[in-house]
Amino acid sequence: MIGTANKSMDEVLSALKGYENIIVAGCNGCAKVCSTGGEPEIKAMAGNLKASGKKIVSEILPERTCYIQHTTGAFQGHESEIDSADAVLVLGCGGAVQIARQALESMGYMIPVKAGLDSVGHMDTVVASKLAIEQCQECGECVLNETGGICPVTKCSKSLLNGPCGGAQNGKCEVDRERDCAWVLIYERLRALGELDALRKYSAPKDYSKMNKPRRLSLG
């Protein structure tokens, strides 16, 4: 799941300066889970924009706005509204904003597409409806088999691959004393599994070229 957070209304209105007729598009996937781009949030944003003098010509909610087939399908049938719109405000992640732009371009529309949210990382829900946390950096070289299923690249503030730094104290990270040291968590997990010998294996520096962006993955 891509975590998203609301931009301030000042920032949204700044992005929409000079545009009067607005389409508000959300995302019924990740943004819905984050309570930033589902149906209630679209309606709330439309209300705020109306109160600021904007005209809402349509509210559109693709199933998952990062999937171009869903987004294109959601825009289809709204051609008359798109024709009258000055801009589209997307309540979704950065990928959703770009897919919305591409979908509209594929339909022959050259219309400004603006972001209403900030993307804050790839998140996994750890407490239903309450807490999501980043747990994977998509580094291209997964080490979870050697670290008890706990990612040091993400959970360690320094992304250390071969044990804790000298600053960890009482099981806490020196960068953030409220955060558990990733390598203490890994050690305790491996000890419980009877797999402490895994810590004897040296992990070579990662090939960070595999994180070069934008990355591509052939699906066919």
N, C-alpha and C. Protein backbone atom coordinates (compact mmCIF):
# COMPACT_ATOMS: atom_id res chain seq x y z
N MET A 1 0.84 -1.18 0.00
CA MET A 1 0.00 0.00 0.00
C MET A 1 0.88 1.24 0.00
N ILE A 2 0.52 2.23 -0.82
CA ILE A 2 1.23 3.50 -0.82
C ILE A 2 0.56 4.44 0.19
N GLY A 3 1.31 4.84 1.19
CA GLY A 3 0.78 5.75 2.19
C GLY A 3 0.67 7.16 1.64
N THR A 4 -0.42 7.83 1.96
CA THR A 4 -0.62 9.21 1.52
C THR A 4 -1.10 10.06 2.67
N ALA A 5 -0.75 11.35 2.60
CA ALA A 5 -1.18 12.31 3.62
C ALA A 5 -1.72 13.54 2.90
N ASN A 6 -2.64 14.23 3.54
CA ASN A 6 -3.28 15.39 2.92
C ASN A 6 -2.30 16.55 2.78
N LYS A 7 -2.33 17.20 1.62
CA LYS A 7 -1.69 18.50 1.50
C LYS A 7 -2.58 19.53 2.20
N SER A 8 -2.02 20.63 2.61
CA SER A 8 -2.85 21.68 3.21
C SER A 8 -3.74 22.29 2.13
N MET A 9 -4.85 22.85 2.55
CA MET A 9 -5.75 23.49 1.58
C MET A 9 -5.06 24.67 0.92
N ASP A 10 -4.18 25.35 1.62
CA ASP A 10 -3.44 26.44 1.01
C ASP A 10 -2.61 25.95 -0.17
N GLU A 11 -1.97 24.78 0.01
CA GLU A 11 -1.16 24.22 -1.07
C GLU A 11 -2.04 23.75 -2.22
N VAL A 12 -3.17 23.14 -1.90
CA VAL A 12 -4.10 22.69 -2.94
C VAL A 12 -4.61 23.89 -3.74
N LEU A 13 -5.03 24.91 -3.04
CA LEU A 13 -5.56 26.09 -3.72
C LEU A 13 -4.49 26.80 -4.53
N SER A 14 -3.26 26.76 -4.06
CA SER A 14 -2.16 27.35 -4.83
C SER A 14 -1.97 26.59 -6.14
N ALA A 15 -2.06 25.26 -6.07
CA ALA A 15 -1.91 24.44 -7.28
C ALA A 15 -3.05 24.69 -8.27
N LEU A 16 -4.22 25.05 -7.74
CA LEU A 16 -5.41 25.25 -8.58
C LEU A 16 -5.64 26.73 -8.91
N LYS A 17 -4.67 27.56 -8.58
CA LYS A 17 -4.83 28.99 -8.86
C LYS A 17 -5.02 29.21 -10.36
N GLY A 18 -6.07 29.96 -10.70
CA GLY A 18 -6.36 30.24 -12.10
C GLY A 18 -7.29 29.24 -12.75
N TYR A 19 -7.60 28.16 -12.03
CA TYR A 19 -8.52 27.14 -12.55
C TYR A 19 -9.81 27.18 -11.74
N GLU A 20 -10.94 27.28 -12.43
CA GLU A 20 -12.22 27.43 -11.74
C GLU A 20 -13.04 26.16 -11.70
N ASN A 21 -13.12 25.45 -12.82
CA ASN A 21 -13.96 24.26 -12.94
C ASN A 21 -13.11 23.02 -12.71
N ILE A 22 -13.40 22.32 -11.63
CA ILE A 22 -12.51 21.26 -11.16
C ILE A 22 -13.21 19.90 -11.15
N ILE A 23 -12.49 18.89 -11.60
CA ILE A 23 -12.88 17.50 -11.37
C ILE A 23 -12.05 16.98 -10.20
N VAL A 24 -12.71 16.40 -9.22
CA VAL A 24 -12.01 15.78 -8.10
C VAL A 24 -12.05 14.27 -8.29
N ALA A 25 -10.88 13.66 -8.42
CA ALA A 25 -10.77 12.21 -8.58
C ALA A 25 -10.07 11.62 -7.37
N GLY A 26 -10.55 10.49 -6.89
CA GLY A 26 -9.94 9.84 -5.74
C GLY A 26 -9.35 8.51 -6.11
N CYS A 27 -9.22 7.65 -5.14
CA CYS A 27 -8.70 6.29 -5.35
C CYS A 27 -9.36 5.38 -4.32
N ASN A 28 -10.07 4.38 -4.83
CA ASN A 28 -10.78 3.46 -3.94
C ASN A 28 -9.89 2.31 -3.47
N GLY A 29 -8.56 2.53 -3.59
CA GLY A 29 -7.61 1.52 -3.14
C GLY A 29 -6.84 2.02 -1.93
N CYS A 30 -5.54 2.30 -2.13
CA CYS A 30 -4.68 2.71 -1.02
C CYS A 30 -5.17 3.98 -0.32
N ALA A 31 -5.55 4.99 -1.13
CA ALA A 31 -5.97 6.26 -0.53
C ALA A 31 -7.24 6.09 0.30
N LYS A 32 -8.09 5.16 -0.11
CA LYS A 32 -9.28 4.88 0.69
C LYS A 32 -8.88 4.32 2.05
N VAL A 33 -7.91 3.39 2.04
CA VAL A 33 -7.45 2.79 3.30
C VAL A 33 -6.82 3.86 4.20
N CYS A 34 -6.13 4.82 3.59
CA CYS A 34 -5.48 5.89 4.36
C CYS A 34 -6.45 7.00 4.76
N SER A 35 -7.70 6.87 4.33
CA SER A 35 -8.72 7.90 4.60
C SER A 35 -8.30 9.26 4.05
N THR A 36 -7.71 9.22 2.85
CA THR A 36 -7.29 10.45 2.19
C THR A 36 -7.92 10.63 0.82
N GLY A 37 -8.45 9.55 0.23
CA GLY A 37 -8.95 9.68 -1.14
C GLY A 37 -10.15 8.82 -1.47
N GLY A 38 -10.84 8.31 -0.45
CA GLY A 38 -12.07 7.56 -0.69
C GLY A 38 -13.25 8.50 -0.91
N GLU A 39 -14.43 7.93 -0.99
CA GLU A 39 -15.62 8.73 -1.27
C GLU A 39 -15.84 9.85 -0.25
N PRO A 40 -15.72 9.59 1.07
CA PRO A 40 -15.93 10.69 2.03
C PRO A 40 -14.93 11.83 1.83
N GLU A 41 -13.68 11.48 1.51
CA GLU A 41 -12.65 12.51 1.35
C GLU A 41 -12.86 13.32 0.07
N ILE A 42 -13.35 12.64 -0.99
CA ILE A 42 -13.65 13.36 -2.23
C ILE A 42 -14.74 14.40 -1.96
N LYS A 43 -15.78 13.97 -1.27
CA LYS A 43 -16.89 14.88 -0.98
C LYS A 43 -16.44 16.03 -0.08
N ALA A 44 -15.59 15.73 0.89
CA ALA A 44 -15.10 16.78 1.77
C ALA A 44 -14.24 17.78 0.98
N MET A 45 -13.38 17.27 0.10
CA MET A 45 -12.55 18.16 -0.71
C MET A 45 -13.41 19.00 -1.64
N ALA A 46 -14.42 18.38 -2.26
CA ALA A 46 -15.32 19.13 -3.14
C ALA A 46 -15.99 20.26 -2.36
N GLY A 47 -16.42 19.98 -1.13
CA GLY A 47 -17.04 21.00 -0.30
C GLY A 47 -16.09 22.13 0.02
N ASN A 48 -14.84 21.78 0.34
CA ASN A 48 -13.84 22.81 0.66
C ASN A 48 -13.53 23.67 -0.56
N LEU A 49 -13.47 23.04 -1.73
CA LEU A 49 -13.19 23.80 -2.94
C LEU A 49 -14.35 24.72 -3.30
N LYS A 50 -15.57 24.22 -3.12
CA LYS A 50 -16.74 25.08 -3.37
C LYS A 50 -16.73 26.28 -2.44
N ALA A 51 -16.39 26.04 -1.18
CA ALA A 51 -16.34 27.15 -0.21
C ALA A 51 -15.27 28.16 -0.57
N SER A 52 -14.29 27.72 -1.37
CA SER A 52 -13.21 28.62 -1.79
C SER A 52 -13.49 29.23 -3.16
N GLY A 53 -14.70 29.03 -3.67
CA GLY A 53 -15.09 29.67 -4.91
C GLY A 53 -14.91 28.83 -6.16
N LYS A 54 -14.51 27.57 -6.01
CA LYS A 54 -14.35 26.70 -7.17
C LYS A 54 -15.69 26.04 -7.52
N LYS A 55 -15.81 25.64 -8.78
CA LYS A 55 -16.97 24.89 -9.23
C LYS A 55 -16.55 23.45 -9.47
N ILE A 56 -17.26 22.51 -8.86
CA ILE A 56 -16.96 21.09 -9.03
C ILE A 56 -17.84 20.55 -10.15
N VAL A 57 -17.21 20.12 -11.23
CA VAL A 57 -17.99 19.63 -12.37
C VAL A 57 -18.19 18.13 -12.31
N SER A 58 -17.35 17.42 -11.53
CA SER A 58 -17.54 15.97 -11.40
C SER A 58 -16.69 15.44 -10.26
N GLU A 59 -17.15 14.35 -9.65
CA GLU A 59 -16.40 13.61 -8.65
C GLU A 59 -16.27 12.18 -9.16
N ILE A 60 -15.03 11.71 -9.31
CA ILE A 60 -14.77 10.41 -9.94
C ILE A 60 -13.93 9.55 -9.00
N LEU A 61 -14.28 8.29 -8.86
CA LEU A 61 -13.59 7.40 -7.93
C LEU A 61 -13.20 6.09 -8.62
N PRO A 62 -12.02 6.04 -9.27
CA PRO A 62 -11.56 4.78 -9.84
C PRO A 62 -11.34 3.73 -8.76
N GLU A 63 -11.43 2.47 -9.14
CA GLU A 63 -11.22 1.38 -8.17
C GLU A 63 -9.80 1.45 -7.61
N ARG A 64 -8.81 1.53 -8.48
CA ARG A 64 -7.41 1.75 -8.09
C ARG A 64 -6.82 2.68 -9.13
N THR A 65 -6.58 3.90 -8.76
CA THR A 65 -6.21 4.92 -9.73
C THR A 65 -4.84 4.68 -10.33
N CYS A 66 -4.00 3.85 -9.68
CA CYS A 66 -2.68 3.54 -10.24
C CYS A 66 -2.78 2.52 -11.37
N TYR A 67 -3.95 1.91 -11.59
CA TYR A 67 -4.16 0.98 -12.70
C TYR A 67 -4.80 1.76 -13.84
N ILE A 68 -4.11 1.87 -14.97
CA ILE A 68 -4.60 2.74 -16.02
C ILE A 68 -5.93 2.26 -16.58
N GLN A 69 -6.16 0.94 -16.58
CA GLN A 69 -7.44 0.47 -17.12
C GLN A 69 -8.61 0.90 -16.24
N HIS A 70 -8.40 0.91 -14.92
CA HIS A 70 -9.46 1.37 -14.01
C HIS A 70 -9.70 2.86 -14.17
N THR A 71 -8.60 3.62 -14.27
CA THR A 71 -8.73 5.07 -14.34
C THR A 71 -9.33 5.52 -15.66
N THR A 72 -8.86 4.93 -16.75
CA THR A 72 -9.44 5.25 -18.06
C THR A 72 -10.92 4.92 -18.08
N GLY A 73 -11.27 3.75 -17.55
CA GLY A 73 -12.68 3.35 -17.50
C GLY A 73 -13.52 4.29 -16.66
N ALA A 74 -12.93 4.81 -15.56
CA ALA A 74 -13.67 5.71 -14.68
C ALA A 74 -13.91 7.06 -15.36
N PHE A 75 -12.96 7.52 -16.18
CA PHE A 75 -13.13 8.79 -16.88
C PHE A 75 -14.08 8.67 -18.07
N GLN A 76 -14.11 7.48 -18.67
CA GLN A 76 -15.00 7.29 -19.81
C GLN A 76 -16.46 7.45 -19.37
N GLY A 77 -17.21 8.15 -20.17
CA GLY A 77 -18.59 8.46 -19.81
C GLY A 77 -18.72 9.81 -19.15
N HIS A 78 -17.57 10.43 -18.86
CA HIS A 78 -17.56 11.77 -18.25
C HIS A 78 -16.95 12.79 -19.21
N GLU A 79 -17.03 12.50 -20.50
CA GLU A 79 -16.37 13.38 -21.47
C GLU A 79 -16.91 14.81 -21.43
N SER A 80 -18.22 14.95 -21.25
CA SER A 80 -18.77 16.31 -21.23
C SER A 80 -18.25 17.11 -20.04
N GLU A 81 -18.09 16.44 -18.87
CA GLU A 81 -17.54 17.11 -17.70
C GLU A 81 -16.06 17.46 -17.91
N ILE A 82 -15.32 16.53 -18.53
CA ILE A 82 -13.90 16.80 -18.79
C ILE A 82 -13.76 17.97 -19.75
N ASP A 83 -14.65 18.03 -20.74
CA ASP A 83 -14.62 19.14 -21.70
C ASP A 83 -14.79 20.49 -21.01
N SER A 84 -15.58 20.51 -19.94
CA SER A 84 -15.86 21.78 -19.26
C SER A 84 -14.92 22.05 -18.10
N ALA A 85 -14.02 21.10 -17.80
CA ALA A 85 -13.13 21.24 -16.65
C ALA A 85 -11.87 22.02 -17.02
N ASP A 86 -11.36 22.77 -16.05
CA ASP A 86 -10.10 23.48 -16.21
C ASP A 86 -8.92 22.66 -15.66
N ALA A 87 -9.20 21.79 -14.69
CA ALA A 87 -8.14 21.00 -14.07
C ALA A 87 -8.76 19.80 -13.36
N VAL A 88 -7.92 18.80 -13.13
CA VAL A 88 -8.32 17.61 -12.36
C VAL A 88 -7.45 17.56 -11.11
N LEU A 89 -8.08 17.44 -9.96
CA LEU A 89 -7.37 17.27 -8.69
C LEU A 89 -7.48 15.82 -8.27
N VAL A 90 -6.33 15.16 -8.12
CA VAL A 90 -6.32 13.73 -7.79
C VAL A 90 -5.96 13.53 -6.33
N LEU A 91 -6.85 12.87 -5.61
CA LEU A 91 -6.57 12.47 -4.22
C LEU A 91 -6.06 11.03 -4.26
N GLY A 92 -4.81 10.89 -4.58
CA GLY A 92 -4.17 9.59 -4.68
C GLY A 92 -2.67 9.79 -4.58
N CYS A 93 -1.92 8.71 -4.68
CA CYS A 93 -0.46 8.79 -4.61
C CYS A 93 0.09 9.46 -5.87
N GLY A 94 1.40 9.70 -5.88
CA GLY A 94 2.02 10.30 -7.04
C GLY A 94 1.84 9.46 -8.29
N GLY A 95 1.84 8.14 -8.12
CA GLY A 95 1.60 7.26 -9.27
C GLY A 95 0.20 7.44 -9.81
N ALA A 96 -0.77 7.61 -8.91
CA ALA A 96 -2.16 7.80 -9.34
C ALA A 96 -2.31 9.09 -10.13
N VAL A 97 -1.62 10.14 -9.68
CA VAL A 97 -1.67 11.43 -10.39
C VAL A 97 -1.15 11.25 -11.81
N GLN A 98 -0.02 10.55 -11.96
CA GLN A 98 0.58 10.37 -13.27
C GLN A 98 -0.24 9.45 -14.16
N ILE A 99 -0.85 8.42 -13.58
CA ILE A 99 -1.71 7.54 -14.36
C ILE A 99 -2.95 8.29 -14.82
N ALA A 100 -3.50 9.15 -13.96
CA ALA A 100 -4.66 9.95 -14.36
C ALA A 100 -4.30 10.84 -15.54
N ARG A 101 -3.11 11.44 -15.48
CA ARG A 101 -2.65 12.26 -16.60
C ARG A 101 -2.54 11.44 -17.87
N GLN A 102 -1.92 10.26 -17.77
CA GLN A 102 -1.74 9.41 -18.94
C GLN A 102 -3.08 8.92 -19.49
N ALA A 103 -4.01 8.60 -18.60
CA ALA A 103 -5.33 8.13 -19.04
C ALA A 103 -6.05 9.23 -19.82
N LEU A 104 -5.99 10.46 -19.30
CA LEU A 104 -6.64 11.57 -19.99
C LEU A 104 -5.96 11.87 -21.32
N GLU A 105 -4.64 11.78 -21.35
CA GLU A 105 -3.93 11.98 -22.62
C GLU A 105 -4.34 10.94 -23.64
N SER A 106 -4.49 9.69 -23.19
CA SER A 106 -4.88 8.62 -24.12
C SER A 106 -6.28 8.83 -24.67
N MET A 107 -7.09 9.61 -23.95
CA MET A 107 -8.45 9.93 -24.40
C MET A 107 -8.48 11.23 -25.22
N GLY A 108 -7.29 11.82 -25.40
CA GLY A 108 -7.21 13.02 -26.22
C GLY A 108 -7.32 14.33 -25.46
N TYR A 109 -7.19 14.29 -24.14
CA TYR A 109 -7.33 15.50 -23.33
C TYR A 109 -5.98 15.99 -22.83
N MET A 110 -5.71 17.26 -23.06
CA MET A 110 -4.52 17.91 -22.50
C MET A 110 -5.02 18.88 -21.44
N ILE A 111 -5.12 18.38 -20.21
CA ILE A 111 -5.73 19.14 -19.12
C ILE A 111 -4.82 19.03 -17.90
N PRO A 112 -4.62 20.10 -17.14
CA PRO A 112 -3.77 20.01 -15.96
C PRO A 112 -4.30 19.00 -14.94
N VAL A 113 -3.39 18.17 -14.43
CA VAL A 113 -3.74 17.19 -13.39
C VAL A 113 -2.89 17.52 -12.16
N LYS A 114 -3.55 17.84 -11.06
CA LYS A 114 -2.87 18.30 -9.85
C LYS A 114 -2.98 17.27 -8.73
N ALA A 115 -1.98 17.28 -7.83
CA ALA A 115 -1.95 16.35 -6.70
C ALA A 115 -2.54 17.01 -5.46
N GLY A 116 -3.47 16.30 -4.81
CA GLY A 116 -4.05 16.79 -3.57
C GLY A 116 -3.44 16.15 -2.34
N LEU A 117 -2.54 15.16 -2.56
CA LEU A 117 -1.95 14.42 -1.45
C LEU A 117 -0.44 14.35 -1.60
N ASP A 118 0.24 14.06 -0.50
CA ASP A 118 1.66 13.75 -0.51
C ASP A 118 1.83 12.25 -0.33
N SER A 119 2.70 11.63 -1.11
CA SER A 119 3.01 10.21 -0.94
C SER A 119 4.11 10.07 0.09
N VAL A 120 3.91 9.20 1.06
CA VAL A 120 4.86 9.09 2.17
C VAL A 120 5.53 7.72 2.26
N GLY A 121 5.39 6.90 1.22
CA GLY A 121 6.11 5.64 1.21
C GLY A 121 5.22 4.42 1.07
N HIS A 122 5.89 3.31 0.77
CA HIS A 122 5.19 2.02 0.67
C HIS A 122 4.91 1.52 2.08
N MET A 123 3.64 1.37 2.40
CA MET A 123 3.25 1.01 3.76
C MET A 123 2.55 -0.35 3.80
N ASP A 124 2.64 -0.98 4.94
CA ASP A 124 1.89 -2.22 5.19
C ASP A 124 1.06 -2.01 6.45
N THR A 125 -0.20 -2.42 6.38
CA THR A 125 -1.09 -2.24 7.51
C THR A 125 -0.73 -3.24 8.61
N VAL A 126 -0.39 -2.73 9.79
CA VAL A 126 -0.03 -3.60 10.90
C VAL A 126 -1.09 -3.61 11.99
N VAL A 127 -1.92 -2.59 12.04
CA VAL A 127 -3.09 -2.57 12.92
C VAL A 127 -4.26 -2.09 12.07
N ALA A 128 -5.21 -2.97 11.84
CA ALA A 128 -6.30 -2.66 10.92
C ALA A 128 -6.96 -1.33 11.24
N SER A 129 -7.05 -0.47 10.22
CA SER A 129 -7.74 0.83 10.30
C SER A 129 -7.08 1.81 11.27
N LYS A 130 -5.88 1.47 11.78
CA LYS A 130 -5.24 2.35 12.76
C LYS A 130 -3.79 2.70 12.43
N LEU A 131 -3.02 1.74 11.95
CA LEU A 131 -1.59 1.99 11.80
C LEU A 131 -1.04 1.26 10.58
N ALA A 132 -0.30 2.02 9.77
CA ALA A 132 0.46 1.43 8.66
C ALA A 132 1.90 1.89 8.81
N ILE A 133 2.84 1.05 8.44
CA ILE A 133 4.25 1.37 8.62
C ILE A 133 5.04 0.88 7.41
N GLU A 134 6.05 1.63 7.03
CA GLU A 134 6.90 1.23 5.92
C GLU A 134 7.76 0.06 6.36
N GLN A 135 7.74 -1.02 5.59
CA GLN A 135 8.49 -2.21 5.97
C GLN A 135 9.38 -2.75 4.85
N CYS A 136 9.29 -2.16 3.66
CA CYS A 136 10.08 -2.66 2.52
C CYS A 136 10.51 -1.49 1.65
N GLN A 137 11.79 -1.50 1.23
CA GLN A 137 12.34 -0.45 0.37
C GLN A 137 12.35 -0.86 -1.10
N GLU A 138 11.88 -2.07 -1.40
CA GLU A 138 11.93 -2.60 -2.77
C GLU A 138 13.33 -2.46 -3.34
N CYS A 139 14.33 -2.95 -2.60
CA CYS A 139 15.72 -2.72 -2.95
C CYS A 139 16.21 -3.60 -4.09
N GLY A 140 15.47 -4.64 -4.44
CA GLY A 140 15.88 -5.52 -5.53
C GLY A 140 16.78 -6.66 -5.11
N GLU A 141 17.19 -6.69 -3.84
CA GLU A 141 18.03 -7.77 -3.31
C GLU A 141 17.54 -8.12 -1.91
N CYS A 142 16.51 -8.92 -1.82
CA CYS A 142 15.85 -9.18 -0.55
C CYS A 142 16.72 -10.06 0.36
N VAL A 143 16.89 -9.61 1.62
CA VAL A 143 17.71 -10.35 2.59
C VAL A 143 16.85 -10.98 3.68
N LEU A 144 15.55 -10.99 3.51
CA LEU A 144 14.66 -11.46 4.58
C LEU A 144 14.91 -12.91 4.98
N ASN A 145 15.40 -13.73 4.05
CA ASN A 145 15.67 -15.13 4.39
C ASN A 145 16.80 -15.27 5.40
N GLU A 146 17.67 -14.26 5.46
CA GLU A 146 18.81 -14.31 6.38
C GLU A 146 18.56 -13.54 7.66
N THR A 147 17.48 -12.78 7.73
CA THR A 147 17.27 -11.90 8.89
C THR A 147 15.94 -12.18 9.60
N GLY A 148 15.47 -13.39 9.50
CA GLY A 148 14.27 -13.78 10.25
C GLY A 148 13.00 -13.10 9.77
N GLY A 149 12.99 -12.63 8.53
CA GLY A 149 11.78 -11.99 8.01
C GLY A 149 11.63 -10.54 8.46
N ILE A 150 12.70 -9.94 8.99
CA ILE A 150 12.69 -8.53 9.41
C ILE A 150 13.70 -7.79 8.54
N CYS A 151 13.27 -6.73 7.87
CA CYS A 151 14.14 -6.05 6.90
C CYS A 151 15.03 -5.00 7.57
N PRO A 152 16.35 -5.22 7.59
CA PRO A 152 17.24 -4.22 8.18
C PRO A 152 17.40 -2.98 7.29
N VAL A 153 17.20 -3.14 6.00
CA VAL A 153 17.34 -2.01 5.08
C VAL A 153 16.31 -0.94 5.42
N THR A 154 15.11 -1.38 5.81
CA THR A 154 14.03 -0.45 6.12
C THR A 154 13.96 -0.13 7.61
N LYS A 155 14.04 -1.15 8.45
CA LYS A 155 13.81 -0.94 9.89
C LYS A 155 15.00 -0.33 10.60
N CYS A 156 16.20 -0.51 10.08
CA CYS A 156 17.38 0.13 10.66
C CYS A 156 17.51 1.53 10.07
N SER A 157 17.67 2.53 10.91
CA SER A 157 17.79 3.91 10.44
C SER A 157 18.96 4.11 9.51
N LYS A 158 19.98 3.26 9.66
CA LYS A 158 21.19 3.37 8.83
C LYS A 158 21.25 2.28 7.75
N SER A 159 20.22 1.45 7.69
CA SER A 159 20.15 0.36 6.71
C SER A 159 21.37 -0.56 6.80
N LEU A 160 21.82 -0.81 8.02
CA LEU A 160 22.99 -1.67 8.21
C LEU A 160 22.64 -3.13 7.91
N LEU A 161 23.60 -3.82 7.29
CA LEU A 161 23.35 -5.20 6.85
C LEU A 161 24.01 -6.25 7.73
N ASN A 162 24.90 -5.85 8.63
CA ASN A 162 25.67 -6.84 9.38
C ASN A 162 25.70 -6.54 10.88
N GLY A 163 24.54 -6.26 11.43
CA GLY A 163 24.45 -6.06 12.87
C GLY A 163 24.30 -4.60 13.24
N PRO A 164 24.07 -4.34 14.52
CA PRO A 164 23.76 -2.98 14.98
C PRO A 164 24.99 -2.08 15.02
N CYS A 165 24.73 -0.78 15.03
CA CYS A 165 25.81 0.20 15.19
C CYS A 165 26.16 0.30 16.68
N GLY A 166 27.16 1.11 16.99
CA GLY A 166 27.57 1.25 18.39
C GLY A 166 26.68 2.16 19.19
N GLY A 167 25.70 2.79 18.54
CA GLY A 167 24.88 3.75 19.25
C GLY A 167 23.61 3.18 19.86
N ALA A 168 23.29 1.94 19.51
CA ALA A 168 22.07 1.33 20.06
C ALA A 168 22.24 1.12 21.57
N GLN A 169 21.20 1.46 22.33
CA GLN A 169 21.25 1.30 23.78
C GLN A 169 19.91 0.76 24.27
N ASN A 170 20.00 -0.24 25.14
CA ASN A 170 18.81 -0.83 25.74
C ASN A 170 17.79 -1.24 24.68
N GLY A 171 18.30 -1.72 23.57
CA GLY A 171 17.42 -2.22 22.51
C GLY A 171 16.79 -1.14 21.67
N LYS A 172 17.21 0.12 21.86
CA LYS A 172 16.62 1.23 21.12
C LYS A 172 17.63 1.85 20.16
N CYS A 173 17.11 2.46 19.11
CA CYS A 173 17.90 3.08 18.05
C CYS A 173 18.47 4.41 18.53
N GLU A 174 19.73 4.71 18.16
CA GLU A 174 20.31 5.99 18.57
C GLU A 174 19.72 7.17 17.81
N VAL A 175 19.18 6.91 16.63
CA VAL A 175 18.57 7.98 15.85
C VAL A 175 17.22 8.38 16.42
N ASP A 176 16.49 7.39 16.92
CA ASP A 176 15.17 7.62 17.51
C ASP A 176 15.01 6.68 18.70
N ARG A 177 15.12 7.22 19.90
CA ARG A 177 15.09 6.39 21.10
C ARG A 177 13.72 5.76 21.36
N GLU A 178 12.72 6.16 20.59
CA GLU A 178 11.40 5.52 20.72
C GLU A 178 11.29 4.29 19.83
N ARG A 179 12.28 4.10 18.96
CA ARG A 179 12.23 3.02 17.98
C ARG A 179 13.10 1.86 18.41
N ASP A 180 12.58 0.64 18.28
CA ASP A 180 13.36 -0.55 18.57
C ASP A 180 14.51 -0.68 17.58
N CYS A 181 15.67 -1.08 18.06
CA CYS A 181 16.79 -1.35 17.17
C CYS A 181 16.44 -2.54 16.29
N ALA A 182 16.56 -2.36 14.99
CA ALA A 182 16.20 -3.43 14.05
C ALA A 182 17.01 -4.69 14.30
N TRP A 183 18.30 -4.51 14.61
CA TRP A 183 19.14 -5.71 14.76
C TRP A 183 18.90 -6.43 16.08
N VAL A 184 18.41 -5.74 17.09
CA VAL A 184 17.98 -6.43 18.30
C VAL A 184 16.73 -7.27 17.98
N LEU A 185 15.82 -6.69 17.21
CA LEU A 185 14.63 -7.44 16.81
C LEU A 185 15.01 -8.67 15.99
N ILE A 186 15.96 -8.49 15.08
CA ILE A 186 16.41 -9.61 14.24
C ILE A 186 17.06 -10.69 15.10
N TYR A 187 17.91 -10.28 16.03
CA TYR A 187 18.58 -11.24 16.91
C TYR A 187 17.56 -12.05 17.71
N GLU A 188 16.60 -11.36 18.33
CA GLU A 188 15.61 -12.05 19.14
C GLU A 188 14.76 -12.99 18.30
N ARG A 189 14.43 -12.58 17.10
CA ARG A 189 13.64 -13.43 16.20
C ARG A 189 14.43 -14.68 15.81
N LEU A 190 15.70 -14.50 15.41
CA LEU A 190 16.52 -15.64 15.02
C LEU A 190 16.78 -16.57 16.19
N ARG A 191 16.95 -16.01 17.39
CA ARG A 191 17.14 -16.85 18.58
C ARG A 191 15.90 -17.69 18.84
N ALA A 192 14.72 -17.08 18.71
CA ALA A 192 13.48 -17.83 18.93
C ALA A 192 13.30 -18.93 17.89
N LEU A 193 13.82 -18.68 16.70
CA LEU A 193 13.69 -19.68 15.63
C LEU A 193 14.81 -20.72 15.68
N GLY A 194 15.81 -20.51 16.53
CA GLY A 194 16.96 -21.42 16.56
C GLY A 194 17.83 -21.26 15.33
N GLU A 195 17.90 -20.05 14.78
CA GLU A 195 18.64 -19.80 13.55
C GLU A 195 19.72 -18.73 13.74
N LEU A 196 20.30 -18.63 14.92
CA LEU A 196 21.31 -17.60 15.17
C LEU A 196 22.55 -17.75 14.30
N ASP A 197 22.80 -18.95 13.78
CA ASP A 197 23.95 -19.13 12.90
C ASP A 197 23.85 -18.25 11.66
N ALA A 198 22.64 -17.80 11.33
CA ALA A 198 22.48 -16.93 10.16
C ALA A 198 23.26 -15.63 10.34
N LEU A 199 23.49 -15.23 11.61
CA LEU A 199 24.20 -13.98 11.86
C LEU A 199 25.69 -14.09 11.55
N ARG A 200 26.19 -15.31 11.38
CA ARG A 200 27.61 -15.50 11.05
C ARG A 200 27.88 -15.23 9.57
N LYS A 201 26.82 -15.16 8.79
CA LYS A 201 26.99 -14.93 7.35
C LYS A 201 27.17 -13.44 7.08
N TYR A 202 28.24 -13.12 6.36
CA TYR A 202 28.51 -11.72 6.01
C TYR A 202 27.64 -11.31 4.82
N SER A 203 26.98 -10.17 4.93
CA SER A 203 26.20 -9.63 3.82
C SER A 203 27.02 -8.57 3.10
N ALA A 204 27.30 -8.80 1.84
CA ALA A 204 28.08 -7.86 1.05
C ALA A 204 27.26 -6.59 0.80
N PRO A 205 27.93 -5.47 0.52
CA PRO A 205 27.19 -4.24 0.21
C PRO A 205 26.18 -4.49 -0.90
N LYS A 206 25.05 -3.84 -0.79
CA LYS A 206 23.99 -4.05 -1.76
C LYS A 206 24.34 -3.40 -3.10
N ASP A 207 23.79 -3.95 -4.15
CA ASP A 207 23.92 -3.37 -5.48
C ASP A 207 22.80 -2.34 -5.65
N TYR A 208 23.10 -1.10 -5.27
CA TYR A 208 22.06 -0.07 -5.28
C TYR A 208 21.65 0.35 -6.69
N SER A 209 22.37 -0.15 -7.72
CA SER A 209 21.92 0.13 -9.08
C SER A 209 20.56 -0.50 -9.34
N LYS A 210 20.23 -1.53 -8.54
CA LYS A 210 18.92 -2.17 -8.70
C LYS A 210 17.79 -1.31 -8.17
N MET A 211 18.16 -0.19 -7.50
CA MET A 211 17.14 0.74 -7.00
C MET A 211 17.05 1.99 -7.88
N ASN A 212 17.86 2.01 -8.95
CA ASN A 212 17.80 3.17 -9.85
C ASN A 212 16.40 3.33 -10.41
N LYS A 213 15.92 4.54 -10.43
CA LYS A 213 14.56 4.80 -10.87
C LYS A 213 14.56 5.63 -12.14
N PRO A 214 13.51 5.47 -12.95
CA PRO A 214 12.36 4.57 -12.75
C PRO A 214 12.71 3.15 -13.15
N ARG A 215 12.22 2.19 -12.37
CA ARG A 215 12.47 0.79 -12.68
C ARG A 215 11.35 0.24 -13.54
N ARG A 216 11.65 -0.84 -14.24
CA ARG A 216 10.64 -1.48 -15.10
C ARG A 216 10.60 -2.97 -14.79
N LEU A 217 9.45 -3.56 -14.95
CA LEU A 217 9.26 -4.98 -14.75
C LEU A 217 8.40 -5.52 -15.88
N SER A 218 8.95 -6.47 -16.63
CA SER A 218 8.20 -7.07 -17.73
C SER A 218 7.15 -8.02 -17.15
N LEU A 219 5.90 -7.82 -17.51
CA LEU A 219 4.80 -8.65 -16.99
C LEU A 219 4.35 -9.69 -18.01
N GLY A 220 4.96 -9.70 -19.17
CA GLY A 220 4.51 -10.63 -20.21
C GLY A 220 5.57 -11.64 -20.58
